Amino acid sequence: MSDEVKEECKSRLDGLEAYKIALDTRNMEIGLFWQRSNYFLVLNAALAIGFFRLAENKYVILLATLGALVSFLWYQVNLGSKYWQSRWEHRLKLKEEEIAPELQYFSADWDVIQKDVEESLNYSHKNKGKFQKWLDKETLKKPSVSYNMTLLSFIFLIGWVVLIIIRMCSSG
């Protein structure tokens, strides 16, 4: 792309519009992550039901192998989804630093983020029981939703492999 074409494109798209596009794309990536994960989770559950209800043992290994393949694909899709989500979050951070650094939505450092969450959780601190306080403390550890879903897909993969090994050893 020539410098003239780049300059023309840049002038057509102001910073705020670029930010909105990046935000929409990031949100779309998160939505796609959940749609894909739900699809693979339901497919794995159906395969597991079939595996444990199957009357004839001759198809059990085939079903478990299919489950392992589906879980592996789910794991790969989760990693790919996280890749694109991270890419767009980084673009948002850069654009935010350029056009509105005071926002500190995506460009905030860890201390600001942690303080925001602490203040939000402490807002209704008066009426909280011990369990709610414990949940708030766990929330402050910032467990990653996408990491945990990717971990679940990996656990399904390991589970299917274990079931294959158990069936192969018990049928021999």
C-alpha atoms as a PDB file:
ATOM      1  CA  MET A   1       0.000   0.000   0.000  1.00  0.00           C
ATOM      2  CA  SER A   2       1.456   3.390  -0.972  1.00  0.00           C
ATOM      3  CA  ASP A   3       1.809   6.225   1.516  1.00  0.00           C
ATOM      4  CA  GLU A   4      -0.847   8.234  -0.325  1.00  0.00           C
ATOM      5  CA  VAL A   5      -3.387   5.422  -0.045  1.00  0.00           C
ATOM      6  CA  LYS A   6      -2.557   4.921   3.638  1.00  0.00           C
ATOM      7  CA  GLU A   7      -3.010   8.626   4.332  1.00  0.00           C
ATOM      8  CA  GLU A   8      -6.326   8.664   2.490  1.00  0.00           C
ATOM      9  CA  CYS A   9      -7.594   5.672   4.480  1.00  0.00           C
ATOM     10  CA  LYS A  10      -6.397   7.239   7.720  1.00  0.00           C
ATOM     11  CA  SER A  11      -8.218  10.485   7.036  1.00  0.00           C
ATOM     12  CA  ARG A  12     -11.434   8.592   6.247  1.00  0.00           C
ATOM     13  CA  LEU A  13     -11.401   6.798   9.562  1.00  0.00           C
ATOM     14  CA  ASP A  14     -10.996   8.938  12.640  1.00  0.00           C
ATOM     15  CA  GLY A  15      -9.712   7.585  15.952  1.00  0.00           C
ATOM     16  CA  LEU A  16     -13.098   7.219  17.605  1.00  0.00           C
ATOM     17  CA  GLU A  17     -14.529   5.289  14.665  1.00  0.00           C
ATOM     18  CA  ALA A  18     -11.477   3.007  14.626  1.00  0.00           C
ATOM     19  CA  TYR A  19     -11.950   2.426  18.354  1.00  0.00           C
ATOM     20  CA  LYS A  20     -15.615   1.507  17.861  1.00  0.00           C
ATOM     21  CA  ILE A  21     -14.731  -0.923  15.065  1.00  0.00           C
ATOM     22  CA  ALA A  22     -12.061  -2.582  17.211  1.00  0.00           C
ATOM     23  CA  LEU A  23     -14.465  -2.795  20.176  1.00  0.00           C
ATOM     24  CA  ASP A  24     -17.218  -4.328  18.041  1.00  0.00           C
ATOM     25  CA  THR A  25     -14.774  -6.812  16.562  1.00  0.00           C
ATOM     26  CA  ARG A  26     -13.437  -7.772  19.988  1.00  0.00           C
ATOM     27  CA  ASN A  27     -16.986  -8.252  21.285  1.00  0.00           C
ATOM     28  CA  MET A  28     -17.829 -10.345  18.226  1.00  0.00           C
ATOM     29  CA  GLU A  29     -14.784 -12.547  18.906  1.00  0.00           C
ATOM     30  CA  ILE A  30     -15.932 -13.114  22.489  1.00  0.00           C
ATOM     31  CA  GLY A  31     -19.440 -13.995  21.287  1.00  0.00           C
ATOM     32  CA  LEU A  32     -18.009 -16.425  18.745  1.00  0.00           C
ATOM     33  CA  PHE A  33     -15.822 -17.968  21.456  1.00  0.00           C
ATOM     34  CA  TRP A  34     -18.922 -18.809  23.510  1.00  0.00           C
ATOM     35  CA  GLN A  35     -20.964 -20.003  20.533  1.00  0.00           C
ATOM     36  CA  ARG A  36     -18.176 -22.346  19.472  1.00  0.00           C
ATOM     37  CA  SER A  37     -17.544 -23.567  23.017  1.00  0.00           C
ATOM     38  CA  ASN A  38     -21.222 -24.273  23.569  1.00  0.00           C
ATOM     39  CA  TYR A  39     -21.371 -26.216  20.307  1.00  0.00           C
ATOM     40  CA  PHE A  40     -18.378 -28.375  21.228  1.00  0.00           C
ATOM     41  CA  LEU A  41     -19.594 -28.863  24.804  1.00  0.00           C
ATOM     42  CA  VAL A  42     -23.001 -30.091  23.617  1.00  0.00           C
ATOM     43  CA  LEU A  43     -21.367 -32.346  21.020  1.00  0.00           C
ATOM     44  CA  ASN A  44     -19.040 -33.801  23.659  1.00  0.00           C
ATOM     45  CA  ALA A  45     -21.944 -34.354  26.052  1.00  0.00           C
ATOM     46  CA  ALA A  46     -23.896 -36.182  23.336  1.00  0.00           C
ATOM     47  CA  LEU A  47     -20.889 -38.362  22.544  1.00  0.00           C
ATOM     48  CA  ALA A  48     -20.395 -39.116  26.254  1.00  0.00           C
ATOM     49  CA  ILE A  49     -24.052 -40.098  26.638  1.00  0.00           C
ATOM     50  CA  GLY A  50     -23.725 -42.348  23.616  1.00  0.00           C
ATOM     51  CA  PHE A  51     -20.508 -43.840  24.944  1.00  0.00           C
ATOM     52  CA  PHE A  52     -21.938 -44.749  28.344  1.00  0.00           C
ATOM     53  CA  ARG A  53     -25.287 -45.986  26.991  1.00  0.00           C
ATOM     54  CA  LEU A  54     -23.972 -47.976  24.063  1.00  0.00           C
ATOM     55  CA  ALA A  55     -25.063 -51.603  24.315  1.00  0.00           C
ATOM     56  CA  GLU A  56     -22.588 -53.009  21.808  1.00  0.00           C
ATOM     57  CA  ASN A  57     -18.948 -52.711  22.780  1.00  0.00           C
ATOM     58  CA  LYS A  58     -17.698 -52.871  19.203  1.00  0.00           C
ATOM     59  CA  TYR A  59     -18.520 -49.178  18.646  1.00  0.00           C
ATOM     60  CA  VAL A  60     -17.245 -47.884  21.984  1.00  0.00           C
ATOM     61  CA  ILE A  61     -13.658 -47.281  20.836  1.00  0.00           C
ATOM     62  CA  LEU A  62     -14.893 -45.534  17.702  1.00  0.00           C
ATOM     63  CA  LEU A  63     -17.171 -43.267  19.736  1.00  0.00           C
ATOM     64  CA  ALA A  64     -14.419 -42.471  22.250  1.00  0.00           C
ATOM     65  CA  THR A  65     -11.979 -41.722  19.423  1.00  0.00           C
ATOM     66  CA  LEU A  66     -14.511 -39.366  17.897  1.00  0.00           C
ATOM     67  CA  GLY A  67     -14.925 -37.735  21.328  1.00  0.00           C
ATOM     68  CA  ALA A  68     -11.155 -37.282  21.609  1.00  0.00           C
ATOM     69  CA  LEU A  69     -11.016 -35.747  18.134  1.00  0.00           C
ATOM     70  CA  VAL A  70     -13.896 -33.383  18.889  1.00  0.00           C
ATOM     71  CA  SER A  71     -12.229 -32.372  22.177  1.00  0.00           C
ATOM     72  CA  PHE A  72      -8.926 -31.742  20.433  1.00  0.00           C
ATOM     73  CA  LEU A  73     -10.662 -29.559  17.850  1.00  0.00           C
ATOM     74  CA  TRP A  74     -12.515 -27.727  20.632  1.00  0.00           C
ATOM     75  CA  TYR A  75      -9.204 -27.077  22.385  1.00  0.00           C
ATOM     76  CA  GLN A  76      -7.664 -25.738  19.159  1.00  0.00           C
ATOM     77  CA  VAL A  77     -10.694 -23.538  18.413  1.00  0.00           C
ATOM     78  CA  ASN A  78     -10.517 -22.090  21.940  1.00  0.00           C
ATOM     79  CA  LEU A  79      -6.851 -21.219  21.462  1.00  0.00           C
ATOM     80  CA  GLY A  80      -7.607 -19.596  18.114  1.00  0.00           C
ATOM     81  CA  SER A  81     -10.475 -17.607  19.596  1.00  0.00           C
ATOM     82  CA  LYS A  82      -8.275 -16.367  22.439  1.00  0.00           C
ATOM     83  CA  TYR A  83      -5.618 -15.364  19.902  1.00  0.00           C
ATOM     84  CA  TRP A  84      -7.997 -13.067  18.009  1.00  0.00           C
ATOM     85  CA  GLN A  85      -9.612 -11.707  21.171  1.00  0.00           C
ATOM     86  CA  SER A  86      -6.146 -10.798  22.487  1.00  0.00           C
ATOM     87  CA  ARG A  87      -5.237  -9.166  19.209  1.00  0.00           C
ATOM     88  CA  TRP A  88      -8.286  -6.883  19.246  1.00  0.00           C
ATOM     89  CA  GLU A  89      -7.870  -6.049  22.936  1.00  0.00           C
ATOM     90  CA  HIS A  90      -4.305  -4.959  22.212  1.00  0.00           C
ATOM     91  CA  ARG A  91      -5.496  -2.812  19.276  1.00  0.00           C
ATOM     92  CA  LEU A  92      -8.100  -1.241  21.596  1.00  0.00           C
ATOM     93  CA  LYS A  93      -5.416  -0.497  24.161  1.00  0.00           C
ATOM     94  CA  LEU A  94      -3.225   1.198  21.566  1.00  0.00           C
ATOM     95  CA  LYS A  95      -6.071   3.228  20.055  1.00  0.00           C
ATOM     96  CA  GLU A  96      -7.318   4.236  23.508  1.00  0.00           C
ATOM     97  CA  GLU A  97      -3.836   5.426  24.502  1.00  0.00           C
ATOM     98  CA  GLU A  98      -3.798   7.504  21.305  1.00  0.00           C
ATOM     99  CA  ILE A  99      -7.254   9.121  21.443  1.00  0.00           C
ATOM    100  CA  ALA A 100      -8.336   9.060  25.112  1.00  0.00           C
ATOM    101  CA  PRO A 101      -5.625   7.866  27.522  1.00  0.00           C
ATOM    102  CA  GLU A 102      -7.642   9.101  30.508  1.00  0.00           C
ATOM    103  CA  LEU A 103     -10.305   6.426  29.884  1.00  0.00           C
ATOM    104  CA  GLN A 104      -8.148   3.562  31.119  1.00  0.00           C
ATOM    105  CA  TYR A 105     -10.559   0.885  29.925  1.00  0.00           C
ATOM    106  CA  PHE A 106      -8.159  -1.280  27.984  1.00  0.00           C
ATOM    107  CA  SER A 107      -5.011   0.716  28.702  1.00  0.00           C
ATOM    108  CA  ALA A 108      -5.271   0.716  32.498  1.00  0.00           C
ATOM    109  CA  ASP A 109      -2.433  -0.840  34.424  1.00  0.00           C
ATOM    110  CA  TRP A 110      -3.002  -3.731  36.803  1.00  0.00           C
ATOM    111  CA  ASP A 111      -3.210  -1.548  39.938  1.00  0.00           C
ATOM    112  CA  VAL A 112      -6.026   0.585  38.477  1.00  0.00           C
ATOM    113  CA  ILE A 113      -7.959  -2.494  37.341  1.00  0.00           C
ATOM    114  CA  GLN A 114      -7.572  -4.198  40.725  1.00  0.00           C
ATOM    115  CA  LYS A 115      -8.646  -1.038  42.581  1.00  0.00           C
ATOM    116  CA  ASP A 116     -11.737  -0.683  40.346  1.00  0.00           C
ATOM    117  CA  VAL A 117     -12.794  -4.257  41.066  1.00  0.00           C
ATOM    118  CA  GLU A 118     -12.103  -3.961  44.788  1.00  0.00           C
ATOM    119  CA  GLU A 119     -14.189  -0.786  44.995  1.00  0.00           C
ATOM    120  CA  SER A 120     -16.998  -2.406  43.035  1.00  0.00           C
ATOM    121  CA  LEU A 121     -17.055  -5.472  45.283  1.00  0.00           C
ATOM    122  CA  ASN A 122     -16.862  -3.383  48.463  1.00  0.00           C
ATOM    123  CA  TYR A 123     -19.756  -1.170  47.367  1.00  0.00           C
ATOM    124  CA  SER A 124     -22.331  -3.301  49.169  1.00  0.00           C
ATOM    125  CA  HIS A 125     -19.942  -4.729  51.756  1.00  0.00           C
ATOM    126  CA  LYS A 126     -22.209  -4.099  54.773  1.00  0.00           C
ATOM    127  CA  ASN A 127     -24.724  -6.893  54.228  1.00  0.00           C
ATOM    128  CA  LYS A 128     -22.377  -9.599  52.987  1.00  0.00           C
ATOM    129  CA  GLY A 129     -22.070 -12.906  54.756  1.00  0.00           C
ATOM    130  CA  LYS A 130     -18.887 -14.932  55.086  1.00  0.00           C
ATOM    131  CA  PHE A 131     -19.548 -16.916  51.922  1.00  0.00           C
ATOM    132  CA  GLN A 132     -20.101 -13.774  49.815  1.00  0.00           C
ATOM    133  CA  LYS A 133     -16.940 -12.224  51.252  1.00  0.00           C
ATOM    134  CA  TRP A 134     -15.039 -15.391  50.346  1.00  0.00           C
ATOM    135  CA  LEU A 135     -16.458 -15.270  46.798  1.00  0.00           C
ATOM    136  CA  ASP A 136     -15.366 -11.639  46.481  1.00  0.00           C
ATOM    137  CA  LYS A 137     -11.862 -12.603  47.606  1.00  0.00           C
ATOM    138  CA  GLU A 138     -11.772 -15.383  44.999  1.00  0.00           C
ATOM    139  CA  THR A 139     -13.033 -12.943  42.350  1.00  0.00           C
ATOM    140  CA  LEU A 140     -10.096 -10.646  43.068  1.00  0.00           C
ATOM    141  CA  LYS A 141      -7.763 -13.457  41.982  1.00  0.00           C
ATOM    142  CA  LYS A 142      -9.090 -12.800  38.441  1.00  0.00           C
ATOM    143  CA  PRO A 143      -9.694 -16.296  37.125  1.00  0.00           C
ATOM    144  CA  SER A 144      -9.690 -16.266  33.333  1.00  0.00           C
ATOM    145  CA  VAL A 145     -12.961 -17.364  31.766  1.00  0.00           C
ATOM    146  CA  SER A 146     -11.372 -18.274  28.433  1.00  0.00           C
ATOM    147  CA  TYR A 147      -8.502 -20.096  30.176  1.00  0.00           C
ATOM    148  CA  ASN A 148     -10.943 -22.176  32.198  1.00  0.00           C
ATOM    149  CA  MET A 149     -13.024 -23.043  29.132  1.00  0.00           C
ATOM    150  CA  THR A 150      -9.851 -24.020  27.268  1.00  0.00           C
ATOM    151  CA  LEU A 151      -8.824 -26.095  30.285  1.00  0.00           C
ATOM    152  CA  LEU A 152     -12.234 -27.809  30.216  1.00  0.00           C
ATOM    153  CA  SER A 153     -11.762 -28.736  26.562  1.00  0.00           C
ATOM    154  CA  PHE A 154      -8.336 -30.168  27.395  1.00  0.00           C
ATOM    155  CA  ILE A 155      -9.796 -32.147  30.318  1.00  0.00           C
ATOM    156  CA  PHE A 156     -12.398 -33.622  27.966  1.00  0.00           C
ATOM    157  CA  LEU A 157      -9.586 -34.637  25.618  1.00  0.00           C
ATOM    158  CA  ILE A 158      -7.665 -36.339  28.444  1.00  0.00           C
ATOM    159  CA  GLY A 159     -10.875 -37.982  29.666  1.00  0.00           C
ATOM    160  CA  TRP A 160     -11.594 -39.458  26.235  1.00  0.00           C
ATOM    161  CA  VAL A 161      -8.024 -40.755  25.940  1.00  0.00           C
ATOM    162  CA  VAL A 162      -8.306 -42.385  29.378  1.00  0.00           C
ATOM    163  CA  LEU A 163     -11.617 -43.996  28.390  1.00  0.00           C
ATOM    164  CA  ILE A 164     -10.046 -45.339  25.191  1.00  0.00           C
ATOM    165  CA  ILE A 165      -7.140 -46.834  27.153  1.00  0.00           C
ATOM    166  CA  ILE A 166      -9.468 -48.362  29.767  1.00  0.00           C
ATOM    167  CA  ARG A 167     -11.687 -49.929  27.080  1.00  0.00           C
ATOM    168  CA  MET A 168      -8.731 -51.262  25.108  1.00  0.00           C
ATOM    169  CA  CYS A 169      -7.161 -52.801  28.220  1.00  0.00           C
ATOM    170  CA  SER A 170     -10.428 -54.308  29.471  1.00  0.00           C
ATOM    171  CA  SER A 171     -11.385 -55.826  26.116  1.00  0.00           C
ATOM    172  CA  GLY A 172      -8.014 -57.473  25.479  1.00  0.00           C
END
